[in-house]
Amino acid sequence: QVQLVESGGGLVQAGGSLRLSCAASGLPFSRYAMGWFRQAPGKEREFVAAINYSGDSTRYTDSVKGRFTISRDNAKNTVYLQMNSLKPDDTAVYYCAPGTSGSIYSSFDAWGQGTQVTVSS
């Protein structure tokens, strides 16, 4: 059974930074891509970033390019999301998810409980 535990969220002022972590268990972590998604109040869950199984390929949604960095530590079964220059529009619950393959273009179909990120103006 896949378990995903996100942490690192909180309240931050606009322009600030946060680093999210997601610890995964119950799957061969180093074989699968990992993704970060977010869901703001009243909106659908949206893709934020993905990293391939080895960590040498990434992709981002346009709104976070240049501000967010996804990374992973396969020895720790953990994926990270470094978020800089945060904006109020980044306010959401952030979720990590394993891909169904090792590619950054994988689909994602399992979710953790999420961690709340709130950016004040």
N, C-alpha and C. Protein backbone atom coordinates (compact mmCIF):
# COMPACT_ATOMS: atom_id res chain seq x y z
N GLN A 1 0.84 -1.18 0.00
CA GLN A 1 0.00 0.00 0.00
C GLN A 1 0.89 1.24 0.00
N VAL A 2 0.62 2.11 -0.98
CA VAL A 2 1.41 3.33 -1.08
C VAL A 2 1.00 4.32 0.01
N GLN A 3 2.00 4.86 0.68
CA GLN A 3 1.76 5.92 1.66
C GLN A 3 2.63 7.12 1.31
N LEU A 4 2.03 8.29 1.35
CA LEU A 4 2.71 9.54 1.02
C LEU A 4 2.43 10.54 2.13
N VAL A 5 3.49 11.08 2.69
CA VAL A 5 3.34 12.03 3.79
C VAL A 5 4.03 13.33 3.42
N GLU A 6 3.20 14.35 3.16
CA GLU A 6 3.73 15.67 2.81
C GLU A 6 3.93 16.49 4.07
N SER A 7 4.93 17.35 4.03
CA SER A 7 5.20 18.24 5.15
C SER A 7 5.89 19.49 4.64
N GLY A 8 5.99 20.49 5.52
CA GLY A 8 6.72 21.70 5.17
C GLY A 8 5.87 22.90 4.82
N GLY A 9 4.56 22.71 4.75
CA GLY A 9 3.70 23.84 4.45
C GLY A 9 3.62 24.81 5.61
N GLY A 10 2.97 25.94 5.36
CA GLY A 10 2.82 26.93 6.41
C GLY A 10 2.36 28.25 5.85
N LEU A 11 2.44 29.26 6.70
CA LEU A 11 2.06 30.62 6.32
C LEU A 11 3.33 31.43 6.06
N VAL A 12 3.36 32.10 4.93
CA VAL A 12 4.55 32.88 4.56
C VAL A 12 4.10 34.15 3.86
N GLN A 13 4.88 35.18 3.98
CA GLN A 13 4.57 36.42 3.28
C GLN A 13 4.96 36.32 1.81
N ALA A 14 4.31 37.09 1.00
CA ALA A 14 4.66 37.14 -0.42
C ALA A 14 6.14 37.47 -0.57
N GLY A 15 6.78 36.75 -1.49
CA GLY A 15 8.21 36.91 -1.69
C GLY A 15 9.04 35.94 -0.89
N GLY A 16 8.42 35.24 0.05
CA GLY A 16 9.12 34.30 0.88
C GLY A 16 9.31 32.94 0.23
N SER A 17 9.85 32.02 1.03
CA SER A 17 10.18 30.69 0.52
C SER A 17 9.68 29.61 1.48
N LEU A 18 9.39 28.46 0.92
CA LEU A 18 9.08 27.26 1.68
C LEU A 18 9.68 26.07 0.95
N ARG A 19 9.98 25.02 1.71
CA ARG A 19 10.43 23.77 1.11
C ARG A 19 9.51 22.66 1.57
N LEU A 20 8.82 22.07 0.62
CA LEU A 20 7.94 20.95 0.92
C LEU A 20 8.69 19.64 0.77
N SER A 21 8.32 18.67 1.58
CA SER A 21 8.88 17.33 1.50
C SER A 21 7.74 16.33 1.38
N CYS A 22 8.02 15.23 0.74
CA CYS A 22 7.05 14.13 0.63
C CYS A 22 7.81 12.84 0.81
N ALA A 23 7.51 12.14 1.90
CA ALA A 23 8.13 10.84 2.17
C ALA A 23 7.20 9.75 1.67
N ALA A 24 7.74 8.87 0.84
CA ALA A 24 6.93 7.82 0.23
C ALA A 24 7.34 6.46 0.75
N SER A 25 6.38 5.58 0.86
CA SER A 25 6.65 4.19 1.24
C SER A 25 5.65 3.29 0.54
N GLY A 26 5.98 2.00 0.49
CA GLY A 26 5.07 1.04 -0.11
C GLY A 26 5.18 0.94 -1.62
N LEU A 27 6.25 1.51 -2.18
CA LEU A 27 6.46 1.40 -3.62
C LEU A 27 7.96 1.45 -3.88
N PRO A 28 8.39 0.90 -5.04
CA PRO A 28 9.81 1.00 -5.42
C PRO A 28 10.10 2.41 -5.90
N PHE A 29 10.36 3.29 -4.96
CA PHE A 29 10.39 4.74 -5.19
C PHE A 29 11.30 5.11 -6.36
N SER A 30 12.47 4.54 -6.42
CA SER A 30 13.46 4.95 -7.42
C SER A 30 13.08 4.54 -8.84
N ARG A 31 12.01 3.82 -9.02
CA ARG A 31 11.57 3.41 -10.34
C ARG A 31 10.51 4.32 -10.94
N TYR A 32 9.95 5.20 -10.13
CA TYR A 32 8.81 5.98 -10.58
C TYR A 32 9.08 7.48 -10.55
N ALA A 33 8.49 8.17 -11.52
CA ALA A 33 8.46 9.62 -11.47
C ALA A 33 7.64 10.05 -10.25
N MET A 34 7.86 11.28 -9.83
CA MET A 34 7.08 11.86 -8.75
C MET A 34 6.59 13.23 -9.18
N GLY A 35 5.41 13.58 -8.70
CA GLY A 35 4.86 14.87 -9.06
C GLY A 35 4.34 15.62 -7.85
N TRP A 36 4.25 16.93 -8.02
CA TRP A 36 3.58 17.80 -7.05
C TRP A 36 2.37 18.43 -7.74
N PHE A 37 1.29 18.49 -7.01
CA PHE A 37 0.06 19.09 -7.48
C PHE A 37 -0.45 20.03 -6.39
N ARG A 38 -1.38 20.89 -6.75
CA ARG A 38 -1.97 21.77 -5.74
C ARG A 38 -3.44 22.01 -6.06
N GLN A 39 -4.17 22.32 -4.99
CA GLN A 39 -5.60 22.60 -5.15
C GLN A 39 -5.94 23.79 -4.27
N ALA A 40 -6.35 24.86 -4.93
CA ALA A 40 -6.78 26.06 -4.24
C ALA A 40 -8.28 25.97 -3.95
N PRO A 41 -8.77 26.71 -2.97
CA PRO A 41 -10.20 26.66 -2.64
C PRO A 41 -11.06 26.96 -3.84
N GLY A 42 -12.03 26.11 -4.10
CA GLY A 42 -12.96 26.32 -5.20
C GLY A 42 -12.41 26.00 -6.57
N LYS A 43 -11.20 25.46 -6.62
CA LYS A 43 -10.58 25.14 -7.91
C LYS A 43 -10.23 23.67 -7.98
N GLU A 44 -10.00 23.21 -9.19
CA GLU A 44 -9.61 21.82 -9.38
C GLU A 44 -8.11 21.66 -9.06
N ARG A 45 -7.75 20.44 -8.76
CA ARG A 45 -6.35 20.13 -8.53
C ARG A 45 -5.57 20.36 -9.83
N GLU A 46 -4.41 20.98 -9.73
CA GLU A 46 -3.61 21.26 -10.92
C GLU A 46 -2.17 20.77 -10.74
N PHE A 47 -1.58 20.44 -11.86
CA PHE A 47 -0.20 20.00 -11.90
C PHE A 47 0.74 21.16 -11.59
N VAL A 48 1.78 20.88 -10.81
CA VAL A 48 2.79 21.89 -10.50
C VAL A 48 4.15 21.51 -11.09
N ALA A 49 4.61 20.30 -10.78
CA ALA A 49 5.95 19.91 -11.20
C ALA A 49 6.07 18.40 -11.18
N ALA A 50 6.99 17.88 -11.99
CA ALA A 50 7.27 16.45 -12.01
C ALA A 50 8.77 16.24 -12.18
N ILE A 51 9.23 15.10 -11.67
CA ILE A 51 10.63 14.72 -11.79
C ILE A 51 10.68 13.24 -12.18
N ASN A 52 11.61 12.89 -13.06
CA ASN A 52 11.65 11.50 -13.50
C ASN A 52 12.29 10.61 -12.43
N TYR A 53 12.34 9.32 -12.70
CA TYR A 53 12.75 8.35 -11.70
C TYR A 53 14.16 8.60 -11.17
N SER A 54 15.04 9.10 -12.03
CA SER A 54 16.44 9.27 -11.64
C SER A 54 16.75 10.68 -11.16
N GLY A 55 15.85 11.59 -11.41
CA GLY A 55 16.06 12.96 -10.97
C GLY A 55 16.76 13.86 -11.96
N ASP A 56 16.99 13.39 -13.17
CA ASP A 56 17.72 14.22 -14.12
C ASP A 56 16.84 14.87 -15.17
N SER A 57 15.55 14.77 -15.00
CA SER A 57 14.61 15.42 -15.91
C SER A 57 13.42 15.94 -15.12
N THR A 58 13.06 17.19 -15.38
CA THR A 58 11.96 17.81 -14.66
C THR A 58 11.07 18.60 -15.61
N ARG A 59 9.86 18.88 -15.18
CA ARG A 59 9.00 19.80 -15.91
C ARG A 59 8.11 20.54 -14.93
N TYR A 60 7.67 21.72 -15.35
CA TYR A 60 6.92 22.59 -14.47
C TYR A 60 5.75 23.23 -15.20
N THR A 61 4.72 23.56 -14.47
CA THR A 61 3.69 24.39 -15.06
C THR A 61 4.25 25.79 -15.22
N ASP A 62 3.77 26.51 -16.22
CA ASP A 62 4.36 27.80 -16.57
C ASP A 62 4.38 28.79 -15.40
N SER A 63 3.35 28.76 -14.58
CA SER A 63 3.23 29.78 -13.54
C SER A 63 4.28 29.66 -12.43
N VAL A 64 4.98 28.54 -12.37
CA VAL A 64 6.00 28.37 -11.31
C VAL A 64 7.41 28.27 -11.86
N LYS A 65 7.56 28.28 -13.17
CA LYS A 65 8.89 28.17 -13.76
C LYS A 65 9.79 29.31 -13.28
N GLY A 66 11.00 28.95 -12.89
CA GLY A 66 11.94 29.95 -12.40
C GLY A 66 11.80 30.26 -10.92
N ARG A 67 10.71 29.79 -10.31
CA ARG A 67 10.49 30.04 -8.87
C ARG A 67 10.52 28.76 -8.05
N PHE A 68 10.03 27.67 -8.60
CA PHE A 68 9.95 26.39 -7.88
C PHE A 68 10.97 25.42 -8.46
N THR A 69 11.51 24.56 -7.60
CA THR A 69 12.43 23.52 -8.02
C THR A 69 12.04 22.20 -7.38
N ILE A 70 11.82 21.19 -8.20
CA ILE A 70 11.53 19.86 -7.70
C ILE A 70 12.82 19.05 -7.68
N SER A 71 13.00 18.24 -6.65
CA SER A 71 14.17 17.38 -6.55
C SER A 71 13.78 16.12 -5.79
N ARG A 72 14.66 15.15 -5.79
CA ARG A 72 14.37 13.90 -5.08
C ARG A 72 15.64 13.30 -4.53
N ASP A 73 15.47 12.52 -3.47
CA ASP A 73 16.55 11.76 -2.87
C ASP A 73 16.08 10.31 -2.82
N ASN A 74 16.53 9.52 -3.75
CA ASN A 74 16.06 8.13 -3.84
C ASN A 74 16.52 7.30 -2.65
N ALA A 75 17.62 7.69 -2.03
CA ALA A 75 18.09 6.96 -0.84
C ALA A 75 17.15 7.17 0.35
N LYS A 76 16.43 8.30 0.33
CA LYS A 76 15.51 8.61 1.43
C LYS A 76 14.04 8.46 1.03
N ASN A 77 13.79 7.99 -0.20
CA ASN A 77 12.41 7.86 -0.70
C ASN A 77 11.63 9.17 -0.50
N THR A 78 12.26 10.27 -0.81
CA THR A 78 11.66 11.57 -0.56
C THR A 78 11.78 12.47 -1.78
N VAL A 79 10.73 13.21 -2.05
CA VAL A 79 10.73 14.22 -3.10
C VAL A 79 10.49 15.57 -2.44
N TYR A 80 11.10 16.60 -3.01
CA TYR A 80 11.04 17.93 -2.43
C TYR A 80 10.48 18.93 -3.44
N LEU A 81 9.95 20.02 -2.92
CA LEU A 81 9.57 21.14 -3.77
C LEU A 81 10.04 22.41 -3.07
N GLN A 82 11.08 23.00 -3.62
CA GLN A 82 11.58 24.28 -3.11
C GLN A 82 10.79 25.39 -3.80
N MET A 83 10.15 26.22 -3.01
CA MET A 83 9.30 27.27 -3.55
C MET A 83 9.85 28.62 -3.12
N ASN A 84 10.27 29.40 -4.09
CA ASN A 84 10.82 30.74 -3.83
C ASN A 84 9.92 31.80 -4.46
N SER A 85 10.11 33.03 -4.04
CA SER A 85 9.33 34.16 -4.58
C SER A 85 7.84 33.84 -4.58
N LEU A 86 7.38 33.37 -3.47
CA LEU A 86 5.97 32.94 -3.39
C LEU A 86 5.02 34.10 -3.57
N LYS A 87 3.88 33.80 -4.18
CA LYS A 87 2.84 34.79 -4.47
C LYS A 87 1.54 34.33 -3.80
N PRO A 88 0.63 35.27 -3.54
CA PRO A 88 -0.66 34.86 -2.97
C PRO A 88 -1.39 33.81 -3.82
N ASP A 89 -1.20 33.86 -5.13
CA ASP A 89 -1.84 32.87 -6.02
C ASP A 89 -1.30 31.46 -5.82
N ASP A 90 -0.19 31.32 -5.11
CA ASP A 90 0.35 29.99 -4.81
C ASP A 90 -0.34 29.34 -3.62
N THR A 91 -1.21 30.07 -2.96
CA THR A 91 -1.94 29.53 -1.82
C THR A 91 -2.80 28.34 -2.25
N ALA A 92 -2.58 27.20 -1.61
CA ALA A 92 -3.28 25.97 -1.97
C ALA A 92 -2.85 24.85 -1.02
N VAL A 93 -3.55 23.75 -1.11
CA VAL A 93 -3.06 22.51 -0.50
C VAL A 93 -2.19 21.81 -1.55
N TYR A 94 -1.00 21.45 -1.15
CA TYR A 94 -0.05 20.83 -2.06
C TYR A 94 0.03 19.33 -1.77
N TYR A 95 -0.03 18.55 -2.85
CA TYR A 95 -0.01 17.10 -2.78
C TYR A 95 1.14 16.55 -3.61
N CYS A 96 1.73 15.46 -3.14
CA CYS A 96 2.67 14.73 -3.98
C CYS A 96 1.99 13.46 -4.48
N ALA A 97 2.52 12.92 -5.55
CA ALA A 97 1.94 11.72 -6.13
C ALA A 97 3.00 10.97 -6.91
N PRO A 98 2.99 9.66 -6.84
CA PRO A 98 3.89 8.87 -7.68
C PRO A 98 3.32 8.73 -9.07
N GLY A 99 4.20 8.69 -10.05
CA GLY A 99 3.76 8.45 -11.39
C GLY A 99 3.45 6.97 -11.62
N THR A 100 2.86 6.70 -12.74
CA THR A 100 2.61 5.31 -13.12
C THR A 100 3.74 4.77 -13.98
N SER A 101 4.76 5.63 -14.22
CA SER A 101 5.97 5.22 -14.91
C SER A 101 7.12 6.08 -14.41
N GLY A 102 8.29 5.89 -15.02
CA GLY A 102 9.43 6.68 -14.60
C GLY A 102 9.56 8.02 -15.30
N SER A 103 8.69 8.29 -16.25
CA SER A 103 8.78 9.48 -17.08
C SER A 103 8.11 10.70 -16.45
N ILE A 104 8.63 11.88 -16.77
CA ILE A 104 8.01 13.11 -16.29
C ILE A 104 6.64 13.34 -16.94
N TYR A 105 6.32 12.60 -17.98
CA TYR A 105 5.02 12.71 -18.64
C TYR A 105 4.08 11.61 -18.18
N SER A 106 4.44 10.94 -17.11
CA SER A 106 3.61 9.91 -16.51
C SER A 106 2.27 10.47 -16.06
N SER A 107 1.31 9.62 -15.94
CA SER A 107 0.09 9.99 -15.23
C SER A 107 0.30 9.74 -13.73
N PHE A 108 -0.57 10.35 -12.94
CA PHE A 108 -0.44 10.26 -11.49
C PHE A 108 -1.80 9.90 -10.90
N ASP A 109 -1.82 8.93 -9.99
CA ASP A 109 -3.13 8.48 -9.53
C ASP A 109 -3.19 8.08 -8.07
N ALA A 110 -2.25 8.51 -7.26
CA ALA A 110 -2.30 8.23 -5.82
C ALA A 110 -1.86 9.49 -5.09
N TRP A 111 -2.51 9.81 -3.98
CA TRP A 111 -2.31 11.11 -3.36
C TRP A 111 -2.08 10.98 -1.86
N GLY A 112 -1.27 11.90 -1.36
CA GLY A 112 -1.11 12.00 0.08
C GLY A 112 -2.22 12.85 0.68
N GLN A 113 -2.05 13.24 1.95
CA GLN A 113 -3.08 14.02 2.62
C GLN A 113 -2.93 15.51 2.32
N GLY A 114 -1.80 15.90 1.79
CA GLY A 114 -1.58 17.28 1.43
C GLY A 114 -1.01 18.11 2.57
N THR A 115 -0.41 19.23 2.19
CA THR A 115 0.10 20.19 3.16
C THR A 115 -0.32 21.58 2.72
N GLN A 116 -0.83 22.36 3.64
CA GLN A 116 -1.37 23.68 3.31
C GLN A 116 -0.26 24.71 3.18
N VAL A 117 -0.30 25.45 2.08
CA VAL A 117 0.59 26.59 1.88
C VAL A 117 -0.28 27.83 1.75
N THR A 118 -0.02 28.81 2.60
CA THR A 118 -0.76 30.07 2.56
C THR A 118 0.23 31.22 2.42
N VAL A 119 0.03 32.02 1.37
CA VAL A 119 0.91 33.15 1.10
C VAL A 119 0.12 34.43 1.30
N SER A 120 0.56 35.22 2.24
CA SER A 120 -0.14 36.48 2.53
C SER A 120 0.47 37.62 1.71
N SER A 121 -0.39 38.57 1.38
CA SER A 121 0.08 39.71 0.56
C SER A 121 0.57 40.85 1.43
